[in-house]
Protein backbone atom coordinates (compact mmCIF):
# COMPACT_ATOMS: atom_id res chain seq x y z
CA UNK A 1 72.95 -57.68 71.47
CA UNK A 2 75.12 -60.63 70.55
CA UNK A 3 74.36 -63.96 72.19
CA UNK A 4 77.95 -64.33 73.37
CA UNK A 5 77.67 -60.97 75.13
CA UNK A 6 74.55 -62.10 76.99
CA UNK A 7 76.11 -65.41 77.99
CA UNK A 8 79.41 -63.78 78.96
CA UNK A 9 77.65 -61.25 81.17
CA UNK A 10 75.38 -63.89 82.74
CA UNK A 11 78.36 -66.11 83.57
CA UNK A 12 79.26 -63.60 86.27
CA UNK A 13 76.28 -64.84 88.24
CA UNK A 14 77.88 -68.28 88.34
CA UNK A 15 80.81 -66.93 90.36
CA UNK A 16 78.62 -64.82 92.62
CA UNK A 17 76.21 -67.68 93.30
CA UNK A 18 78.90 -70.26 94.04
CA UNK A 19 80.34 -68.07 96.78
CA UNK A 20 77.00 -66.85 98.12
CA UNK A 21 75.40 -70.27 98.41
CA UNK A 22 78.52 -72.04 99.67
CA UNK A 23 78.55 -69.57 102.56
CA UNK A 24 74.78 -69.78 102.99
CA UNK A 25 74.69 -73.59 102.99
CA UNK A 26 77.81 -74.42 104.95
CA UNK A 27 79.46 -71.54 106.85
CA UNK A 28 77.34 -71.84 110.00
CA UNK A 29 78.02 -75.59 110.16
CA UNK A 30 81.72 -74.91 109.52
CA UNK A 31 81.86 -72.50 112.46
CA UNK A 32 80.23 -74.94 114.88
CA UNK A 33 81.44 -78.39 113.79
CA UNK A 34 84.88 -77.56 112.34
CA UNK A 35 86.13 -74.38 114.01
CA UNK A 36 84.44 -75.20 117.32
CA UNK A 37 82.40 -72.08 118.07
CA UNK A 38 79.24 -72.50 120.09
CA UNK A 39 76.00 -72.41 118.14
CA UNK A 40 75.11 -69.06 119.70
CA UNK A 41 78.45 -67.49 118.79
CA UNK A 42 78.31 -68.89 115.26
CA UNK A 43 74.80 -67.57 114.82
CA UNK A 44 75.98 -64.15 116.02
CA UNK A 45 78.74 -64.16 113.38
CA UNK A 46 76.22 -64.85 110.62
CA UNK A 47 73.84 -62.22 112.00
CA UNK A 48 76.60 -59.60 112.05
CA UNK A 49 77.30 -60.34 108.40
CA UNK A 50 73.61 -59.94 107.50
CA UNK A 51 73.28 -56.70 109.46
CA UNK A 52 76.33 -55.29 107.69
CA UNK A 53 74.78 -56.28 104.36
CA UNK A 54 71.83 -54.05 105.22
CA UNK A 55 74.19 -51.08 105.48
CA UNK A 56 76.75 -52.10 102.91
CA UNK A 57 74.50 -52.75 99.90
CA UNK A 58 72.95 -49.24 99.85
CA UNK A 59 76.35 -47.64 100.33
CA UNK A 60 77.80 -49.55 97.38
CA UNK A 61 74.80 -48.54 95.26
CA UNK A 62 75.34 -44.86 96.03
CA UNK A 63 79.11 -45.16 95.53
CA UNK A 64 78.71 -46.91 92.19
CA UNK A 65 76.31 -44.30 90.84
CA UNK A 66 78.77 -41.55 91.82
CA UNK A 67 81.81 -43.25 90.29
CA UNK A 68 83.47 -41.89 87.16
CA UNK A 69 85.98 -44.16 85.43
CA UNK A 70 87.28 -44.70 81.93
CA UNK A 71 86.69 -48.41 82.58
CA UNK A 72 82.97 -47.80 83.14
CA UNK A 73 80.98 -46.67 86.15
CA UNK A 74 80.03 -50.26 87.04
CA UNK A 75 82.48 -52.37 85.09
CA UNK A 76 85.38 -50.90 87.09
CA UNK A 77 84.02 -52.57 90.23
CA UNK A 78 84.00 -55.96 88.52
CA UNK A 79 87.57 -55.54 87.29
CA UNK A 80 89.02 -54.25 90.56
CA UNK A 81 86.72 -56.24 92.84
CA UNK A 82 87.10 -59.75 91.40
CA UNK A 83 90.36 -60.60 93.20
CA UNK A 84 89.37 -59.19 96.63
CA UNK A 85 86.05 -61.04 96.26
CA UNK A 86 87.87 -64.33 95.65
CA UNK A 87 90.30 -63.68 98.52
CA UNK A 88 87.47 -62.92 100.94
CA UNK A 89 85.79 -66.21 100.07
CA UNK A 90 88.97 -68.23 100.59
CA UNK A 91 89.76 -66.59 103.94
CA UNK A 92 86.42 -67.69 105.39
CA UNK A 93 87.64 -71.28 105.43
CA UNK A 94 91.09 -70.55 106.89
CA UNK A 95 90.02 -69.59 110.40
CA UNK A 96 92.30 -70.99 113.12
CA UNK A 97 91.22 -74.25 114.71
CA UNK A 98 93.06 -73.99 118.02
CA UNK A 99 92.70 -70.32 118.98
CA UNK A 100 90.62 -69.22 121.96
CA UNK A 101 86.88 -68.83 121.48
CA UNK A 102 87.12 -65.05 121.76
CA UNK A 103 89.89 -64.76 119.15
CA UNK A 104 88.12 -67.16 116.80
CA UNK A 105 84.89 -65.22 117.15
CA UNK A 106 86.58 -61.90 116.33
CA UNK A 107 88.44 -63.38 113.36
CA UNK A 108 85.23 -64.98 112.08
CA UNK A 109 83.44 -61.61 112.33
CA UNK A 110 86.27 -59.91 110.46
CA UNK A 111 86.20 -62.60 107.76
CA UNK A 112 82.43 -62.43 107.21
CA UNK A 113 82.52 -58.61 107.11
CA UNK A 114 85.32 -58.73 104.53
CA UNK A 115 83.36 -61.22 102.45
CA UNK A 116 80.07 -59.27 102.70
CA UNK A 117 81.82 -56.06 101.63
CA UNK A 118 83.73 -57.63 98.74
CA UNK A 119 80.61 -59.46 97.56
CA UNK A 120 78.53 -56.27 97.52
CA UNK A 121 81.24 -54.30 95.73
CA UNK A 122 80.92 -56.74 92.83
CA UNK A 123 77.28 -57.87 93.02
CA UNK A 124 75.51 -54.50 93.19
CA UNK A 125 77.27 -52.92 90.15
CA UNK A 126 77.03 -56.24 88.30
CA UNK A 127 73.25 -56.39 88.62
CA UNK A 128 72.94 -52.68 87.76
CA UNK A 129 74.50 -53.30 84.33
CA UNK A 130 71.25 -54.73 82.91
CA UNK A 131 69.44 -51.40 82.27
CA UNK A 132 72.62 -50.14 80.61
CA UNK A 133 73.11 -53.13 78.34
CA UNK A 134 69.67 -52.91 76.72
CA UNK A 135 66.50 -50.82 76.83
CA UNK A 136 64.38 -53.59 75.32
CA UNK A 137 61.72 -54.97 77.69
CA UNK A 138 61.98 -58.58 76.47
CA UNK A 139 65.75 -58.57 76.06
CA UNK A 140 66.17 -57.52 79.67
CA UNK A 141 64.00 -60.44 80.74
CA UNK A 142 66.07 -62.75 78.57
CA UNK A 143 69.28 -61.46 80.18
CA UNK A 144 67.88 -62.20 83.63
CA UNK A 145 66.91 -65.65 82.35
CA UNK A 146 70.50 -66.40 81.36
CA UNK A 147 71.63 -65.16 84.75
CA UNK A 148 69.07 -67.38 86.50
CA UNK A 149 70.38 -70.45 84.70
CA UNK A 150 74.00 -69.71 85.61
CA UNK A 151 72.91 -68.91 89.15
CA UNK A 152 71.19 -72.29 89.42
CA UNK A 153 74.40 -74.05 88.47
CA UNK A 154 76.15 -71.90 91.07
CA UNK A 155 73.67 -73.05 93.73
CA UNK A 156 74.56 -76.69 93.05
CA UNK A 157 78.31 -76.05 92.89
CA UNK A 158 78.19 -73.83 95.98
CA UNK A 159 76.37 -76.52 97.90
CA UNK A 160 78.90 -78.98 96.54
CA UNK A 161 81.66 -77.51 98.67
CA UNK A 162 80.05 -79.30 101.59
CA UNK A 163 80.07 -82.62 99.72
CA UNK A 164 83.68 -82.19 98.60
CA UNK A 165 84.75 -81.32 102.10
CA UNK A 166 82.74 -83.99 103.93
CA UNK A 167 85.81 -86.00 104.83
CA UNK A 168 85.22 -86.62 108.50
CA UNK A 169 88.20 -85.52 110.59
CA UNK A 170 89.91 -84.07 107.54
CA UNK A 171 87.16 -81.59 106.77
CA UNK A 172 89.20 -78.51 107.68
CA UNK A 173 92.06 -79.58 105.44
CA UNK A 174 89.69 -80.45 102.62
CA UNK A 175 88.04 -77.03 102.82
CA UNK A 176 91.38 -75.27 102.81
CA UNK A 177 92.36 -77.34 99.82
CA UNK A 178 89.30 -76.71 97.67
CA UNK A 179 88.45 -73.12 98.65
CA UNK A 180 91.27 -71.51 96.60
CA UNK A 181 90.06 -73.35 93.49
CA UNK A 182 86.51 -72.19 94.13
CA UNK A 183 87.74 -68.64 94.74
CA UNK A 184 89.78 -68.54 91.52
CA UNK A 185 86.80 -69.88 89.57
CA UNK A 186 84.54 -67.18 91.06
CA UNK A 187 87.01 -64.44 90.15
CA UNK A 188 87.37 -65.72 86.59
CA UNK A 189 83.58 -65.75 86.15
CA UNK A 190 83.33 -62.13 87.29
CA UNK A 191 86.21 -61.08 84.99
CA UNK A 192 84.55 -62.82 82.02
CA UNK A 193 81.41 -60.78 82.72
CA UNK A 194 83.49 -57.60 82.87
CA UNK A 195 85.18 -58.41 79.55
CA UNK A 196 81.81 -59.13 77.93
CA UNK A 197 80.40 -55.67 78.71
CA UNK A 198 83.48 -53.72 77.68
CA UNK A 199 82.50 -50.45 75.99
CA UNK A 200 78.80 -50.67 76.75
CA UNK A 201 78.85 -47.94 79.38
CA UNK A 202 80.62 -45.60 76.96
CA UNK A 203 77.38 -45.43 74.95
CA UNK A 204 75.27 -44.89 78.07
CA UNK A 205 75.62 -41.12 78.29
CA UNK A 206 72.99 -40.27 80.89
CA UNK A 207 73.24 -38.29 84.09
CA UNK A 208 72.84 -40.15 87.36
CA UNK A 209 71.01 -38.24 90.07
CA UNK A 210 73.09 -37.98 93.23
CA UNK A 211 71.29 -39.24 96.32
CA UNK A 212 72.45 -37.93 99.71
CA UNK A 213 72.64 -40.81 102.13
CA UNK A 214 70.06 -39.20 104.43
CA UNK A 215 67.55 -39.17 101.54
CA UNK A 216 68.22 -42.73 100.43
CA UNK A 217 65.16 -44.33 101.97
CA UNK A 218 62.92 -41.57 100.60
CA UNK A 219 63.10 -43.33 97.23
CA UNK A 220 60.80 -45.99 98.69
CA UNK A 221 57.99 -43.44 98.93
CA UNK A 222 57.31 -43.97 95.24
CA UNK A 223 54.41 -46.45 95.06
CA UNK A 224 56.08 -48.73 92.51
CA UNK A 225 59.37 -48.78 94.41
CA UNK A 226 57.48 -49.56 97.62
CA UNK A 227 55.45 -52.30 95.94
CA UNK A 228 58.56 -53.96 94.54
CA UNK A 229 60.32 -53.84 97.91
CA UNK A 230 57.32 -55.32 99.75
CA UNK A 231 57.14 -58.02 97.09
CA UNK A 232 60.82 -58.75 97.62
CA UNK A 233 60.66 -59.03 101.38
CA UNK A 234 57.71 -61.45 101.26
CA UNK A 235 59.35 -63.49 98.51
CA UNK A 236 62.72 -63.63 100.27
CA UNK A 237 60.99 -64.65 103.50
CA UNK A 238 59.35 -67.52 101.61
CA UNK A 239 62.52 -68.77 99.97
CA UNK A 240 64.53 -68.31 103.18
CA UNK A 241 62.09 -70.50 105.12
CA UNK A 242 61.98 -73.06 102.33
CA UNK A 243 65.76 -73.44 102.08
CA UNK A 244 66.27 -73.57 105.84
CA UNK A 245 63.46 -76.10 106.40
CA UNK A 246 64.62 -78.71 103.87
CA UNK A 247 67.37 -80.23 106.08
CA UNK A 248 64.95 -80.49 109.03
CA UNK A 249 62.32 -82.10 106.82
CA UNK A 250 64.76 -84.56 105.25
CA UNK A 251 66.16 -85.58 108.65
CA UNK A 252 63.05 -85.78 110.80
CA UNK A 253 60.21 -86.53 108.38
CA UNK A 254 61.84 -88.49 105.55
CA UNK A 255 64.57 -89.89 107.76
CA UNK A 256 67.48 -89.28 105.40
CA UNK A 257 69.56 -86.10 105.78
CA UNK A 258 71.34 -86.74 102.48
CA UNK A 259 68.06 -86.34 100.63
CA UNK A 260 68.20 -82.60 101.33
CA UNK A 261 71.03 -82.28 98.80
CA UNK A 262 69.17 -84.46 96.28
CA UNK A 263 66.00 -82.41 96.67
CA UNK A 264 67.90 -79.13 96.20
CA UNK A 265 69.56 -80.52 93.06
CA UNK A 266 66.23 -81.70 91.60
CA UNK A 267 64.55 -78.42 92.49
CA UNK A 268 67.34 -76.28 91.02
CA UNK A 269 67.97 -78.23 87.82
CA UNK A 270 64.30 -78.46 86.83
CA UNK A 271 63.70 -74.80 87.68
CA UNK A 272 66.69 -73.66 85.62
CA UNK A 273 65.70 -75.88 82.68
CA UNK A 274 62.26 -74.26 82.51
CA UNK A 275 63.44 -70.65 82.70
CA UNK A 276 63.53 -70.31 78.87
CA UNK A 277 59.92 -71.53 78.67
CA UNK A 278 58.83 -68.97 81.27
CA UNK A 279 60.73 -66.32 79.34
CA UNK A 280 58.67 -67.12 76.24
CA UNK A 281 55.48 -66.88 78.29
CA UNK A 282 56.42 -63.35 79.36
CA UNK A 283 56.25 -62.31 75.69
CA UNK A 284 52.55 -63.17 75.64
CA UNK A 285 51.28 -62.70 79.19
CA UNK A 286 51.66 -60.22 82.03
CA UNK A 287 54.60 -61.15 84.27
CA UNK A 288 52.54 -60.46 87.39
CA UNK A 289 49.85 -62.95 86.38
CA UNK A 290 52.39 -65.60 85.41
CA UNK A 291 54.06 -65.31 88.79
CA UNK A 292 50.77 -65.42 90.71
CA UNK A 293 49.76 -68.60 88.88
CA UNK A 294 53.09 -70.38 89.34
CA UNK A 295 53.51 -69.31 92.97
CA UNK A 296 50.01 -70.57 93.76
CA UNK A 297 50.89 -73.93 92.22
CA UNK A 298 54.11 -73.95 94.28
CA UNK A 299 52.11 -73.24 97.45
CA UNK A 300 49.78 -76.17 96.74
CA UNK A 301 52.73 -78.49 96.05
CA UNK A 302 54.37 -77.47 99.32
CA UNK A 303 51.12 -78.13 101.17
CA UNK A 304 50.86 -81.62 99.69
CA UNK A 305 54.51 -82.40 100.41
CA UNK A 306 54.23 -81.15 103.96
CA UNK A 307 51.18 -83.28 104.70
CA UNK A 308 51.74 -86.60 102.91
CA UNK A 309 55.51 -87.20 102.58
CA UNK A 310 56.86 -89.56 105.25
CA UNK A 311 59.70 -92.03 105.83
CA UNK A 312 58.36 -94.33 103.13
CA UNK A 313 58.15 -91.54 100.54
CA UNK A 314 61.75 -90.80 99.62
CA UNK A 315 61.06 -90.99 95.89
CA UNK A 316 57.94 -88.88 96.30
CA UNK A 317 60.02 -86.28 98.18
CA UNK A 318 62.52 -85.94 95.33
CA UNK A 319 59.77 -85.93 92.68
CA UNK A 320 57.90 -83.30 94.67
CA UNK A 321 61.07 -81.20 94.84
CA UNK A 322 61.44 -81.43 91.06
CA UNK A 323 57.82 -80.38 90.53
CA UNK A 324 58.34 -77.55 92.99
CA UNK A 325 61.35 -76.43 90.95
CA UNK A 326 59.13 -76.33 87.86
CA UNK A 327 56.59 -74.13 89.67
CA UNK A 328 59.33 -71.89 91.06
CA UNK A 329 60.94 -71.33 87.65
CA UNK A 330 58.89 -68.14 87.39
CA UNK A 331 60.35 -66.88 90.65
CA UNK A 332 63.84 -67.59 89.34
CA UNK A 333 63.26 -65.34 86.34
CA UNK A 334 60.64 -62.67 86.89
CA UNK A 335 61.64 -60.83 90.10
CA UNK A 336 65.10 -60.00 88.83
CA UNK A 337 63.70 -58.69 85.55
CA UNK A 338 61.56 -56.07 87.31
CA UNK A 339 64.31 -53.86 88.78
CA UNK A 340 65.94 -52.77 85.49
CA UNK A 341 62.57 -51.49 84.25
CA UNK A 342 62.08 -49.60 87.52
CA UNK A 343 65.23 -47.57 86.74
CA UNK A 344 63.68 -46.13 83.58
CA UNK A 345 60.18 -45.84 85.04
CA UNK A 346 61.39 -43.81 88.03
CA UNK A 347 63.30 -41.45 85.73
CA UNK A 348 60.18 -41.08 83.59
CA UNK A 349 58.00 -40.15 86.57
CA UNK A 350 60.44 -38.09 88.66
CA UNK A 351 63.10 -36.90 86.17
CA UNK A 352 65.73 -38.52 88.40
CA UNK A 353 67.88 -41.44 87.30
CA UNK A 354 69.19 -43.96 89.80
CA UNK A 355 70.81 -47.25 88.76
CA UNK A 356 72.96 -49.06 91.32
CA UNK A 357 70.98 -47.41 94.12
CA UNK A 358 67.87 -49.44 93.29
CA UNK A 359 69.84 -52.67 93.10
CA UNK A 360 71.41 -51.90 96.47
CA UNK A 361 67.93 -51.45 97.94
CA UNK A 362 66.85 -54.71 96.30
CA UNK A 363 69.71 -56.65 97.92
CA UNK A 364 69.13 -55.00 101.28
CA UNK A 365 65.48 -56.02 101.34
CA UNK A 366 66.42 -59.52 100.18
CA UNK A 367 68.77 -59.93 103.14
CA UNK A 368 66.10 -58.60 105.49
CA UNK A 369 63.59 -61.11 104.12
CA UNK A 370 66.02 -63.99 104.66
CA UNK A 371 66.53 -62.85 108.24
CA UNK A 372 62.79 -62.63 108.85
CA UNK A 373 62.35 -66.11 107.37
CA UNK A 374 64.95 -67.60 109.70
CA UNK A 375 63.35 -65.90 112.69
CA UNK A 376 59.86 -67.14 111.83
CA UNK A 377 61.11 -70.68 111.28
CA UNK A 378 62.87 -70.70 114.63
CA UNK A 379 59.82 -69.35 116.42
CA UNK A 380 57.50 -71.89 114.79
CA UNK A 381 59.75 -74.83 115.71
CA UNK A 382 60.09 -73.54 119.25
CA UNK A 383 56.31 -73.22 119.65
CA UNK A 384 55.90 -76.85 118.60
CA UNK A 385 58.58 -78.03 121.01
CA UNK A 386 61.31 -78.91 118.52
CA UNK A 387 64.49 -79.99 120.35
CA UNK A 388 67.64 -80.03 118.25
CA UNK A 389 69.54 -82.07 120.84
CA UNK A 390 66.99 -84.89 120.92
CA UNK A 391 67.79 -88.11 119.05
CA UNK A 392 64.10 -88.60 118.29
CA UNK A 393 61.70 -85.70 117.85
CA UNK A 394 58.29 -85.65 119.49
CA UNK A 395 55.20 -85.82 117.30
CA UNK A 396 54.62 -82.17 118.04
CA UNK A 397 58.13 -81.24 116.91
CA UNK A 398 57.71 -83.18 113.66
CA UNK A 399 54.36 -81.46 113.10
CA UNK A 400 56.16 -78.14 113.43
CA UNK A 401 58.63 -79.19 110.73
CA UNK A 402 55.77 -80.30 108.46
CA UNK A 403 53.96 -76.99 108.89
CA UNK A 404 57.20 -75.08 108.32
CA UNK A 405 57.54 -76.66 104.89
CA UNK A 406 53.88 -77.07 103.98
CA UNK A 407 52.38 -73.74 105.09
CA UNK A 408 54.82 -70.88 105.65
CA UNK A 409 56.74 -70.69 102.33
CA UNK A 410 53.61 -71.10 100.20
CA UNK A 411 51.73 -68.50 102.23
CA UNK A 412 54.45 -65.89 101.76
CA UNK A 413 54.83 -66.74 98.05
CA UNK A 414 51.13 -66.10 97.45
CA UNK A 415 51.21 -62.88 99.50
CA UNK A 416 54.21 -61.69 97.48
CA UNK A 417 52.39 -62.38 94.20
CA UNK A 418 49.27 -60.54 95.36
CA UNK A 419 51.37 -57.54 96.39
CA UNK A 420 52.99 -57.51 92.96
CA UNK A 421 49.59 -57.03 91.29
CA UNK A 422 49.83 -53.39 92.43
CA UNK A 423 53.03 -52.94 90.41
CA UNK A 424 52.17 -50.70 87.46
CA UNK A 425 55.07 -51.27 85.09
CA UNK A 426 54.01 -53.53 82.24
CA UNK A 427 55.12 -53.78 78.63
CA UNK A 428 52.93 -50.93 77.31
CA UNK A 429 53.73 -48.51 80.12
CA UNK A 430 57.42 -49.28 79.86
CA UNK A 431 57.34 -48.59 76.11
CA UNK A 432 55.64 -45.23 76.74
CA UNK A 433 58.20 -44.35 79.40
CA UNK A 434 61.08 -45.17 77.04
CA UNK A 435 59.52 -43.06 74.29
CA UNK A 436 59.23 -40.05 76.58
CA UNK A 437 62.77 -40.49 77.92
CA UNK A 438 64.23 -40.66 74.42
CA UNK A 439 62.28 -37.53 73.48
CA UNK A 440 63.60 -35.67 76.52
CA UNK A 441 67.19 -36.62 75.74
CA UNK A 442 66.82 -35.60 72.10
CA UNK A 443 65.53 -32.22 73.21
CA UNK A 444 68.40 -31.77 75.65
CA UNK A 445 70.98 -32.66 73.02
CA UNK A 446 69.43 -30.26 70.51
CA UNK A 447 69.61 -27.30 72.88
CA UNK A 448 72.56 -24.96 72.24
CA UNK A 449 75.19 -24.91 74.99
CA UNK A 450 74.91 -22.13 77.54
CA UNK A 451 77.01 -19.08 76.81
């Protein structure tokens, strides 16, 4: 595959990540501090969006696998979905500022549901293109590596919408001014990805097994599917807690809220820079063992940061974030490279081929893990007496924040890595599966047509 094809495809993740992380970083704050919803109502809006994701992602996976189009089974969604995706992102930031609380709440729910639907209609088919683009074990990992690097840039740019819009009383106007530019950029990135994969699905002449909706979850009975989903929920719980804890830690332990953005930037840039190095390691070592080693190092770094960083350790906090990004570079690359191989492995074992369906499941479990992470963080802070309305936190509340950063994410990262050791798809088994699949297809093509 040409390098420009890989880069063009991966650039789609830039658009997806900008929108996803802008909403993740800033939409809740926007609802409370700009639009004026109560914290409870704003939280309900976000929860409704996450719950719909749990339904929406599997439905899009099934729909994509059943689609027939001259533009490509998956590429068609990128072409037709890019503009609605951009529009849904822009509309999030155009909620009325002077409507009643009830009207604002309903409009916010409608906006987040529109965004979640439009995002899934692009993201699920986009991710499912990888097993179509190449059958090579290492090339798939490399593709995910390119995506991870573009995604990391998207994280920084998505978070940057908050910095661009942080204009005091003019925040609403600033958001309405910059959101169309962000939306257009996201749409262009998705369309570039669609242009880069033009014609690839025409050479992917395989039958997709239709999955009735009532049988959808039965796919998880396969031990490797189940292992991958358990790995994902533990990993997403870890990263969800980590991301949500950073602002609390920066504010109440380090004493500088702005350092949260600096730590995220250091974490993301270093992690993205090391993705190519991790990719080279996967050519020599088992992905599962690489991830276990790096996640264990990340857990130890989090423990040290949680225990020793204080108000006099601002530089140490940023350096620790950069080192954490280096340890988490494996998590940026490896999880996403496992799902494409599962598509072929499942067909090899069950003679059923599912593509977008598995990626829909993957996203569903990811959203569930993020929700679990937020719940656990809230419960931990509540147990330790954290009071968000207090100007100065009690020692117990600060201890809760320290434990939230130092213990919980690392614990779940290590658990996820240990679960992944049960995953049976490695380089040799994947090669055998591909050999058998090619043999089956050759035999089918050589059979005379039925009379």
